[in-house]
């Protein structure tokens, strides 16, 4: 039997010739084929929750290694504490 040219009707006829005890295996296989045929999108990496609430990586400052004290001094008010720049 050339399976590449079977029509739906021919597949139904072949299924009708199967013994009754083969139906549970056929149903499992059909379920697998349906699962496999659904387009599986790769999951996008989720942002790290802790980094997102800490705001790490969202600074507008590019190179802070040499200017860390200057940046901290401009963002911290000595009386009221941290200030938020908007």
N, C-alpha and C. Protein backbone atom coordinates (compact mmCIF):
# COMPACT_ATOMS: atom_id res chain seq x y z
N UNK A 1 0.85 -1.17 0.00
CA UNK A 1 0.00 0.00 0.00
C UNK A 1 0.90 1.24 0.00
N UNK A 2 0.70 2.15 -0.96
CA UNK A 2 1.45 3.38 -1.05
C UNK A 2 0.77 4.41 -0.17
N UNK A 3 1.35 4.69 1.00
CA UNK A 3 0.71 5.57 1.98
C UNK A 3 0.79 7.05 1.61
N UNK A 4 1.62 7.42 0.64
CA UNK A 4 1.75 8.83 0.29
C UNK A 4 0.57 9.34 -0.54
N UNK A 5 -0.23 8.43 -1.11
CA UNK A 5 -1.35 8.86 -1.96
C UNK A 5 -2.71 8.47 -1.39
N UNK A 6 -2.76 8.11 -0.11
CA UNK A 6 -4.03 7.73 0.50
C UNK A 6 -4.92 8.97 0.69
N UNK A 7 -6.17 8.82 0.37
CA UNK A 7 -7.13 9.90 0.62
C UNK A 7 -7.74 9.69 2.00
N UNK A 8 -8.46 10.67 2.48
CA UNK A 8 -9.13 10.54 3.78
C UNK A 8 -10.08 9.35 3.79
N UNK A 9 -10.79 9.17 2.70
CA UNK A 9 -11.74 8.06 2.62
C UNK A 9 -11.02 6.72 2.70
N UNK A 10 -9.86 6.62 2.05
CA UNK A 10 -9.10 5.38 2.11
C UNK A 10 -8.57 5.13 3.52
N UNK A 11 -8.18 6.20 4.22
CA UNK A 11 -7.72 6.05 5.60
C UNK A 11 -8.86 5.54 6.47
N UNK A 12 -10.05 6.09 6.27
CA UNK A 12 -11.22 5.64 7.02
C UNK A 12 -11.50 4.16 6.76
N UNK A 13 -11.37 3.77 5.51
CA UNK A 13 -11.59 2.36 5.16
C UNK A 13 -10.56 1.46 5.82
N UNK A 14 -9.31 1.91 5.88
CA UNK A 14 -8.26 1.12 6.54
C UNK A 14 -8.55 1.02 8.03
N UNK A 15 -9.00 2.12 8.64
CA UNK A 15 -9.34 2.11 10.07
C UNK A 15 -10.48 1.13 10.33
N UNK A 16 -11.46 1.08 9.41
CA UNK A 16 -12.59 0.16 9.58
C UNK A 16 -12.15 -1.30 9.58
N UNK A 17 -11.00 -1.61 8.97
CA UNK A 17 -10.55 -3.00 8.92
C UNK A 17 -9.72 -3.39 10.14
N UNK A 18 -9.41 -2.42 11.00
CA UNK A 18 -8.61 -2.73 12.19
C UNK A 18 -9.44 -3.51 13.20
N UNK A 19 -8.79 -4.39 13.94
CA UNK A 19 -9.51 -5.09 15.02
C UNK A 19 -9.85 -4.12 16.14
N UNK A 20 -10.90 -4.44 16.89
CA UNK A 20 -11.39 -3.54 17.94
C UNK A 20 -10.34 -3.24 19.00
N UNK A 21 -9.46 -4.19 19.30
CA UNK A 21 -8.47 -3.95 20.34
C UNK A 21 -7.35 -3.00 19.90
N UNK A 22 -7.30 -2.62 18.64
CA UNK A 22 -6.29 -1.68 18.15
C UNK A 22 -6.75 -0.23 18.26
N UNK A 23 -8.02 0.00 18.59
CA UNK A 23 -8.54 1.36 18.62
C UNK A 23 -7.91 2.23 19.71
N UNK A 24 -7.64 1.67 20.87
CA UNK A 24 -7.04 2.49 21.93
C UNK A 24 -5.65 2.96 21.52
N UNK A 25 -4.89 2.08 20.87
CA UNK A 25 -3.56 2.47 20.39
C UNK A 25 -3.68 3.49 19.26
N UNK A 26 -4.66 3.33 18.39
CA UNK A 26 -4.88 4.27 17.29
C UNK A 26 -5.25 5.65 17.84
N UNK A 27 -6.11 5.69 18.84
CA UNK A 27 -6.52 6.96 19.43
C UNK A 27 -5.32 7.65 20.08
N UNK A 28 -4.47 6.89 20.76
CA UNK A 28 -3.27 7.47 21.36
C UNK A 28 -2.35 8.05 20.29
N UNK A 29 -2.19 7.31 19.20
CA UNK A 29 -1.32 7.77 18.11
C UNK A 29 -1.89 9.01 17.44
N UNK A 30 -3.19 9.06 17.25
CA UNK A 30 -3.82 10.24 16.66
C UNK A 30 -3.64 11.45 17.57
N UNK A 31 -3.77 11.24 18.87
CA UNK A 31 -3.52 12.33 19.82
C UNK A 31 -2.10 12.84 19.72
N UNK A 32 -1.14 11.92 19.58
CA UNK A 32 0.26 12.32 19.42
C UNK A 32 0.44 13.11 18.13
N UNK A 33 -0.16 12.66 17.04
CA UNK A 33 -0.03 13.38 15.77
C UNK A 33 -0.64 14.78 15.85
N UNK A 34 -1.78 14.89 16.52
CA UNK A 34 -2.40 16.21 16.69
C UNK A 34 -1.49 17.13 17.51
N UNK A 35 -0.92 16.60 18.57
CA UNK A 35 0.00 17.39 19.40
C UNK A 35 1.21 17.83 18.59
N UNK A 36 1.76 16.90 17.82
CA UNK A 36 2.96 17.18 17.04
C UNK A 36 2.69 18.19 15.92
N UNK A 37 1.48 18.19 15.38
CA UNK A 37 1.17 19.07 14.26
C UNK A 37 0.88 20.50 14.68
N UNK A 38 0.57 20.70 15.96
CA UNK A 38 0.34 22.06 16.45
C UNK A 38 1.69 22.76 16.50
N UNK A 39 1.72 23.97 15.96
CA UNK A 39 2.98 24.71 15.91
C UNK A 39 3.42 25.05 17.32
N UNK A 40 4.57 24.56 17.69
CA UNK A 40 5.11 24.82 19.01
C UNK A 40 6.03 26.03 18.92
N UNK A 41 5.66 27.13 19.56
CA UNK A 41 6.49 28.33 19.57
C UNK A 41 7.49 28.20 20.71
N UNK A 42 8.74 28.48 20.42
CA UNK A 42 9.69 28.45 21.52
C UNK A 42 9.37 29.57 22.50
N UNK A 43 9.47 29.25 23.76
CA UNK A 43 9.15 30.24 24.78
C UNK A 43 10.20 31.32 24.80
N UNK A 44 9.73 32.56 24.86
CA UNK A 44 10.66 33.67 25.00
C UNK A 44 11.17 33.67 26.43
N UNK A 45 12.45 33.99 26.59
CA UNK A 45 12.96 34.01 27.97
C UNK A 45 12.22 35.06 28.79
N UNK A 46 11.78 34.65 29.94
CA UNK A 46 11.04 35.56 30.82
C UNK A 46 12.04 36.44 31.56
N UNK A 47 11.70 37.72 31.73
CA UNK A 47 12.62 38.57 32.48
C UNK A 47 12.71 38.11 33.93
N UNK A 48 13.88 38.23 34.48
CA UNK A 48 14.08 37.85 35.87
C UNK A 48 13.28 38.80 36.76
N UNK A 49 12.38 38.25 37.55
CA UNK A 49 11.50 39.06 38.38
C UNK A 49 12.28 39.96 39.34
N UNK A 50 13.27 39.41 40.02
CA UNK A 50 14.02 40.20 40.99
C UNK A 50 14.78 41.34 40.32
N UNK A 51 15.37 41.06 39.14
CA UNK A 51 16.08 42.13 38.44
C UNK A 51 15.12 43.21 37.97
N UNK A 52 13.92 42.81 37.56
CA UNK A 52 12.97 43.80 37.06
C UNK A 52 12.46 44.70 38.18
N UNK A 53 12.23 44.16 39.38
CA UNK A 53 11.74 45.03 40.46
C UNK A 53 12.87 45.88 41.03
N UNK A 54 14.10 45.42 40.89
CA UNK A 54 15.23 46.21 41.38
C UNK A 54 15.62 47.29 40.38
N UNK A 55 15.16 47.16 39.15
CA UNK A 55 15.49 48.15 38.13
C UNK A 55 16.88 47.99 37.57
N UNK A 56 17.51 46.86 37.81
CA UNK A 56 18.86 46.64 37.30
C UNK A 56 18.80 46.49 35.78
N UNK A 57 19.68 47.17 35.13
CA UNK A 57 19.75 47.10 33.68
C UNK A 57 18.91 48.15 33.00
N UNK A 58 18.17 48.95 33.77
CA UNK A 58 17.32 49.95 33.16
C UNK A 58 17.85 51.37 33.37
N UNK A 59 19.08 51.48 33.81
CA UNK A 59 19.66 52.79 34.06
C UNK A 59 19.98 53.48 32.74
N UNK A 60 19.83 54.80 32.73
CA UNK A 60 20.19 55.56 31.54
C UNK A 60 21.68 55.83 31.51
N UNK A 61 22.35 55.58 32.62
CA UNK A 61 23.80 55.76 32.69
C UNK A 61 24.47 54.58 31.99
N UNK A 62 25.45 54.87 31.14
CA UNK A 62 26.11 53.80 30.38
C UNK A 62 27.35 53.27 31.10
N UNK A 63 28.26 54.15 31.50
CA UNK A 63 29.49 53.70 32.14
C UNK A 63 29.55 54.31 33.53
N UNK A 64 29.25 53.54 34.52
CA UNK A 64 29.18 54.07 35.88
C UNK A 64 30.40 53.71 36.71
N UNK A 65 31.28 52.92 36.20
CA UNK A 65 32.39 52.44 37.02
C UNK A 65 33.30 53.55 37.49
N UNK A 66 33.54 54.57 36.67
CA UNK A 66 34.45 55.65 37.06
C UNK A 66 33.72 56.79 37.76
N UNK A 67 32.41 56.85 37.64
CA UNK A 67 31.67 57.99 38.17
C UNK A 67 30.67 57.58 39.23
N UNK A 68 30.86 56.47 39.89
CA UNK A 68 29.86 55.95 40.82
C UNK A 68 29.56 56.91 41.97
N UNK A 69 30.58 57.52 42.54
CA UNK A 69 30.34 58.44 43.65
C UNK A 69 29.61 59.69 43.18
N UNK A 70 29.97 60.18 42.00
CA UNK A 70 29.29 61.35 41.44
C UNK A 70 27.81 61.06 41.18
N UNK A 71 27.54 59.90 40.64
CA UNK A 71 26.15 59.52 40.34
C UNK A 71 25.36 59.36 41.63
N UNK A 72 25.93 58.70 42.63
CA UNK A 72 25.24 58.52 43.91
C UNK A 72 24.97 59.86 44.58
N UNK A 73 25.94 60.76 44.51
CA UNK A 73 25.76 62.07 45.14
C UNK A 73 24.63 62.85 44.48
N UNK A 74 24.45 62.68 43.18
CA UNK A 74 23.38 63.41 42.50
C UNK A 74 22.01 62.78 42.72
N UNK A 75 21.97 61.52 43.13
CA UNK A 75 20.70 60.83 43.30
C UNK A 75 20.27 60.71 44.76
N UNK A 76 21.15 60.96 45.68
CA UNK A 76 20.81 60.83 47.10
C UNK A 76 20.79 62.22 47.73
N UNK A 77 19.68 62.54 48.32
CA UNK A 77 19.55 63.79 49.06
C UNK A 77 19.99 63.50 50.49
N UNK A 78 20.92 64.26 50.99
CA UNK A 78 21.47 63.96 52.31
C UNK A 78 20.44 64.08 53.43
N UNK A 79 19.37 64.81 53.19
CA UNK A 79 18.34 64.97 54.22
C UNK A 79 17.21 63.96 54.05
N UNK A 80 16.67 63.87 52.82
CA UNK A 80 15.48 63.01 52.63
C UNK A 80 15.80 61.64 52.05
N UNK A 81 17.02 61.39 51.67
CA UNK A 81 17.36 60.07 51.14
C UNK A 81 17.36 60.05 49.62
N UNK A 82 16.91 58.92 49.06
CA UNK A 82 16.93 58.75 47.61
C UNK A 82 15.95 59.71 46.94
N UNK A 83 16.34 60.18 45.79
CA UNK A 83 15.42 60.99 44.98
C UNK A 83 15.17 60.24 43.68
N UNK A 84 13.99 60.43 43.13
CA UNK A 84 13.62 59.74 41.90
C UNK A 84 13.67 60.75 40.75
N UNK A 85 14.47 60.41 39.74
CA UNK A 85 14.51 61.26 38.54
C UNK A 85 13.52 60.74 37.53
N UNK A 86 12.69 61.62 37.06
CA UNK A 86 11.71 61.21 36.05
C UNK A 86 11.93 62.00 34.80
